[in-house]
Amino acid sequence: MATAPDSGKFPSAATLAPARGARKASDQTIYDSIYEAVLTQRLPPGSRLPEVALSEMFGVSRSIVRKALTRLTSDHVIEQRPNQMAMVARPDVEETRQIFAARRLVESEVMRLTAGTLSKARVQELRKLVKDEKAAHDSGRDQDRVHCSMEVHRFLARHCPNQVLGRMMRDLVLRTSIVIALYKSPGITACFLGDDHGRLATLIAKGDGEAAAALAHDHLVALENLLDLNDDSRPIDLASILRPPS
């Protein structure tokens, strides 16, 4: 079922503020912190992002916070409406379908273009990501598993010979992560579906672009079919979600 955040809860200053002794936060620091929290599904769709609270957390002016939020809006990570507080994007069912359709088209072509182009060192990096993903899944480390799952796709997008398509794919990976967090059914494990990522790495290494494209397409169809596109709400502890790992 879809989950929505408790809009009355915000992260504390200690949750997101830079570590003591760190350089003063910039709009890039704020952008990266929110982006990664959304990508790894620690910051759920619909979570409110008050400028005042963020400026206090990061020890910067509201103008710097506003700059980061504007960039995040441009990248479809958050939504900002006139006279309303910024919040993490919360796509409806129709937009969710469109996001998956777009990603299937783009990612299939990225797989075709990338297959056979990776160096041995990069293939080893890809296989290590797949291995780390499975280890995280087997040991119940959900946040690590989500990170590795997303990184498999982002890695391939970064190394696509056509970087315009690669950037489009990275954007769609993020937007897909948002809708998975919003509409995932109980027990769904992000995009960890059997050995799909391991098989994909093998096909990419072999240079079988058509098979890699077909697998990526089917992988995304299966993932979309696991979503529960009925909407409900359930409160969450936002401060706990955003707390950095100890």
Protein backbone atom coordinates (compact mmCIF):
# COMPACT_ATOMS: atom_id res chain seq x y z
CA MET A 1 0.00 0.00 0.00
CA ALA A 2 1.07 3.57 -0.52
CA THR A 3 2.44 5.39 2.47
CA ALA A 4 2.39 9.08 3.21
CA PRO A 5 4.46 10.93 5.76
CA ASP A 6 3.21 12.55 8.91
CA SER A 7 3.41 16.15 7.71
CA GLY A 8 3.67 17.43 11.27
CA LYS A 9 7.10 15.88 11.85
CA PHE A 10 10.37 17.33 10.64
CA PRO A 11 13.99 16.23 11.10
CA SER A 12 15.81 17.82 14.02
CA ALA A 13 18.83 20.09 13.60
CA ALA A 14 21.11 17.28 14.74
CA THR A 15 19.68 14.97 12.09
CA LEU A 16 20.84 16.73 8.93
CA ALA A 17 23.29 19.39 10.08
CA PRO A 18 26.90 18.96 8.94
CA ALA A 19 29.20 17.22 11.40
CA ARG A 20 31.02 19.44 13.88
CA GLY A 21 34.19 20.78 12.33
CA ALA A 22 32.91 20.22 8.79
CA ARG A 23 32.98 23.01 6.23
CA LYS A 24 29.95 25.24 6.15
CA ALA A 25 27.08 23.73 4.22
CA SER A 26 26.33 24.97 0.72
CA ASP A 27 23.29 24.57 -1.48
CA GLN A 28 25.09 21.54 -2.97
CA THR A 29 25.35 19.95 0.50
CA ILE A 30 21.63 20.40 1.05
CA TYR A 31 20.82 19.19 -2.46
CA ASP A 32 22.93 16.04 -2.06
CA SER A 33 21.52 15.24 1.39
CA ILE A 34 17.89 15.45 0.28
CA TYR A 35 18.56 13.79 -3.09
CA GLU A 36 20.21 10.74 -1.52
CA ALA A 37 17.53 10.43 1.18
CA VAL A 38 14.83 10.41 -1.50
CA LEU A 39 16.74 8.07 -3.83
CA THR A 40 17.28 5.48 -1.11
CA GLN A 41 13.66 5.81 0.05
CA ARG A 42 14.58 7.10 3.51
CA LEU A 43 12.66 10.31 2.84
CA PRO A 44 9.17 9.31 1.65
CA PRO A 45 7.03 11.00 -1.00
CA GLY A 46 5.02 13.91 0.39
CA SER A 47 7.50 14.71 3.18
CA ARG A 48 7.44 18.44 3.91
CA LEU A 49 10.67 20.43 3.72
CA PRO A 50 10.32 23.73 5.63
CA GLU A 51 12.88 26.38 4.71
CA VAL A 52 13.29 27.61 8.28
CA ALA A 53 13.95 24.15 9.69
CA LEU A 54 16.42 23.31 6.91
CA SER A 55 18.30 26.60 7.33
CA GLU A 56 18.69 25.87 11.05
CA MET A 57 19.78 22.28 10.44
CA PHE A 58 22.48 23.22 7.96
CA GLY A 59 23.42 26.54 9.53
CA VAL A 60 22.84 28.55 6.37
CA SER A 61 20.56 31.33 5.21
CA ARG A 62 17.12 30.63 3.79
CA SER A 63 18.32 31.95 0.43
CA ILE A 64 20.83 29.08 0.22
CA VAL A 65 18.13 26.59 1.21
CA ARG A 66 15.85 28.09 -1.42
CA LYS A 67 18.53 27.67 -4.08
CA ALA A 68 18.86 23.96 -3.24
CA LEU A 69 15.08 23.49 -3.25
CA THR A 70 14.81 25.20 -6.64
CA ARG A 71 17.35 22.79 -8.10
CA LEU A 72 15.57 19.81 -6.55
CA THR A 73 12.31 21.02 -8.07
CA SER A 74 13.93 21.30 -11.49
CA ASP A 75 15.17 17.71 -11.14
CA HIS A 76 11.67 16.42 -10.19
CA VAL A 77 12.78 15.44 -6.68
CA ILE A 78 10.45 17.82 -4.87
CA GLU A 79 7.37 19.90 -5.64
CA GLN A 80 6.93 23.59 -4.87
CA ARG A 81 3.68 25.46 -5.32
CA PRO A 82 3.03 29.16 -4.70
CA ASN A 83 2.50 29.94 -1.01
CA GLN A 84 2.96 26.29 -0.04
CA MET A 85 5.79 24.44 1.65
CA ALA A 86 8.12 22.38 -0.52
CA MET A 87 7.63 18.62 -0.30
CA VAL A 88 9.07 15.47 -1.79
CA ALA A 89 7.34 14.69 -5.08
CA ARG A 90 4.27 12.49 -4.81
CA PRO A 91 3.31 11.31 -8.32
CA ASP A 92 -0.22 10.09 -8.93
CA VAL A 93 -1.03 6.72 -10.49
CA GLU A 94 -1.12 8.02 -14.07
CA GLU A 95 2.25 9.74 -13.73
CA THR A 96 3.63 6.57 -12.15
CA ARG A 97 2.63 4.59 -15.24
CA GLN A 98 4.21 7.24 -17.46
CA ILE A 99 7.46 7.20 -15.48
CA PHE A 100 7.77 3.44 -15.86
CA ALA A 101 6.92 3.59 -19.57
CA ALA A 102 9.57 6.26 -20.14
CA ARG A 103 12.17 4.37 -18.15
CA ARG A 104 11.56 1.15 -20.08
CA LEU A 105 12.21 2.97 -23.36
CA VAL A 106 15.29 4.84 -22.16
CA GLU A 107 16.88 2.07 -20.12
CA SER A 108 16.46 -0.54 -22.83
CA GLU A 109 18.39 1.69 -25.25
CA VAL A 110 21.03 2.45 -22.62
CA MET A 111 21.59 -1.30 -22.19
CA ARG A 112 21.96 -1.76 -25.96
CA LEU A 113 24.52 1.00 -26.18
CA THR A 114 26.47 0.07 -23.05
CA ALA A 115 26.76 -3.68 -23.65
CA GLY A 116 30.29 -4.62 -24.60
CA THR A 117 31.74 -1.16 -23.92
CA LEU A 118 32.80 -1.54 -20.28
CA SER A 119 36.42 -2.19 -19.41
CA LYS A 120 37.32 -5.24 -17.33
CA ALA A 121 37.76 -2.97 -14.31
CA ARG A 122 34.30 -1.47 -14.73
CA VAL A 123 32.74 -4.90 -15.21
CA GLN A 124 34.35 -5.89 -11.91
CA GLU A 125 32.88 -2.77 -10.27
CA LEU A 126 29.45 -3.71 -11.60
CA ARG A 127 29.73 -7.29 -10.37
CA LYS A 128 30.82 -6.05 -6.94
CA LEU A 129 27.71 -3.87 -6.72
CA VAL A 130 25.56 -6.90 -7.54
CA LYS A 131 27.42 -8.99 -4.94
CA ASP A 132 27.06 -6.27 -2.30
CA GLU A 133 23.36 -5.95 -3.10
CA LYS A 134 22.75 -9.66 -2.53
CA ALA A 135 24.79 -9.64 0.69
CA ALA A 136 22.77 -6.70 2.00
CA HIS A 137 19.52 -8.43 1.04
CA ASP A 138 20.52 -11.72 2.67
CA SER A 139 21.56 -10.01 5.91
CA GLY A 140 18.47 -7.79 6.11
CA ARG A 141 20.34 -4.50 5.64
CA ASP A 142 17.53 -2.80 3.77
CA GLN A 143 19.07 0.65 3.34
CA ASP A 144 22.31 -0.81 1.98
CA ARG A 145 20.37 -3.09 -0.34
CA VAL A 146 18.28 -0.22 -1.71
CA HIS A 147 21.44 1.83 -2.25
CA CYS A 148 23.13 -1.01 -4.16
CA SER A 149 20.00 -1.75 -6.20
CA MET A 150 19.75 1.86 -7.34
CA GLU A 151 23.50 2.10 -7.91
CA VAL A 152 23.52 -0.85 -10.34
CA HIS A 153 21.28 1.13 -12.69
CA ARG A 154 22.98 4.47 -12.04
CA PHE A 155 26.38 2.89 -12.73
CA LEU A 156 25.24 1.65 -16.13
CA ALA A 157 23.68 5.03 -16.92
CA ARG A 158 26.90 6.86 -16.00
CA HIS A 159 28.92 4.67 -18.36
CA CYS A 160 26.52 4.76 -21.30
CA PRO A 161 28.29 6.01 -24.46
CA ASN A 162 25.35 8.37 -25.04
CA GLN A 163 25.47 10.60 -21.98
CA VAL A 164 22.26 12.43 -22.88
CA LEU A 165 20.40 9.13 -22.55
CA GLY A 166 22.47 8.33 -19.47
CA ARG A 167 21.36 11.52 -17.72
CA MET A 168 17.75 10.84 -18.69
CA MET A 169 18.03 7.37 -17.19
CA ARG A 170 19.52 8.66 -13.92
CA ASP A 171 16.61 11.08 -13.62
CA LEU A 172 14.14 8.26 -14.24
CA VAL A 173 15.87 5.97 -11.71
CA LEU A 174 15.29 8.61 -9.06
CA ARG A 175 11.67 9.17 -10.07
CA THR A 176 11.07 5.42 -10.10
CA SER A 177 12.50 5.17 -6.59
CA ILE A 178 10.00 7.80 -5.46
CA VAL A 179 6.99 5.93 -6.82
CA ILE A 180 8.26 2.61 -5.44
CA ALA A 181 8.44 4.20 -2.00
CA LEU A 182 4.92 5.55 -2.48
CA TYR A 183 3.18 2.51 -3.95
CA LYS A 184 5.23 -0.51 -2.91
CA SER A 185 3.37 -3.53 -1.55
CA PRO A 186 4.42 -5.11 1.75
CA GLY A 187 7.55 -7.19 1.24
CA ILE A 188 8.66 -5.62 -2.03
CA THR A 189 12.45 -5.17 -2.09
CA ALA A 190 12.99 -2.16 -4.37
CA CYS A 191 14.31 -3.50 -7.68
CA PHE A 192 15.90 -6.62 -6.19
CA LEU A 193 14.15 -9.29 -8.25
CA GLY A 194 15.90 -12.64 -8.10
CA ASP A 195 19.17 -12.59 -10.02
CA ASP A 196 18.08 -9.99 -12.58
CA HIS A 197 20.99 -7.68 -11.81
CA GLY A 198 23.51 -10.52 -11.94
CA ARG A 199 22.16 -11.68 -15.30
CA LEU A 200 22.19 -8.11 -16.56
CA ALA A 201 25.85 -7.69 -15.58
CA THR A 202 26.72 -10.90 -17.44
CA LEU A 203 24.93 -9.77 -20.61
CA ILE A 204 26.57 -6.34 -20.48
CA ALA A 205 30.00 -7.93 -20.06
CA LYS A 206 29.35 -10.32 -22.98
CA GLY A 207 28.20 -7.48 -25.22
CA ASP A 208 24.74 -8.95 -25.81
CA GLY A 209 22.89 -5.65 -26.08
CA GLU A 210 19.59 -7.02 -27.34
CA ALA A 211 19.30 -9.56 -24.52
CA ALA A 212 20.33 -6.91 -21.96
CA ALA A 213 17.69 -4.53 -23.31
CA ALA A 214 15.01 -7.23 -23.16
CA LEU A 215 15.97 -8.16 -19.60
CA ALA A 216 15.91 -4.51 -18.48
CA HIS A 217 12.46 -4.08 -20.05
CA ASP A 218 11.06 -7.22 -18.41
CA HIS A 219 12.68 -6.30 -15.07
CA LEU A 220 10.87 -2.96 -15.04
CA VAL A 221 7.56 -4.52 -16.10
CA ALA A 222 7.82 -7.01 -13.23
CA LEU A 223 8.68 -4.23 -10.80
CA GLU A 224 5.73 -2.09 -11.87
CA ASN A 225 3.39 -5.07 -11.55
CA LEU A 226 4.45 -5.48 -7.91
CA LEU A 227 3.22 -2.01 -6.98
CA ASP A 228 -0.04 -1.48 -5.14
CA LEU A 229 -1.62 1.46 -6.90
CA ASN A 230 -4.26 1.97 -4.24
CA ASP A 231 -3.63 5.05 -2.12
CA ASP A 232 -3.81 5.27 1.64
CA SER A 233 -1.81 7.02 4.32
CA ARG A 234 0.17 5.99 7.36
CA PRO A 235 2.24 8.23 9.63
CA ILE A 236 6.00 7.82 9.66
CA ASP A 237 8.78 9.03 11.93
CA LEU A 238 10.59 11.46 9.62
CA ALA A 239 13.34 12.27 12.11
CA SER A 240 14.21 8.59 12.43
CA ILE A 241 14.28 8.12 8.66
CA LEU A 242 16.66 11.02 8.09
CA ARG A 243 18.98 10.25 11.00
CA PRO A 244 22.45 9.43 9.61
CA PRO A 245 23.63 5.86 10.25
CA SER A 246 25.64 5.48 13.46
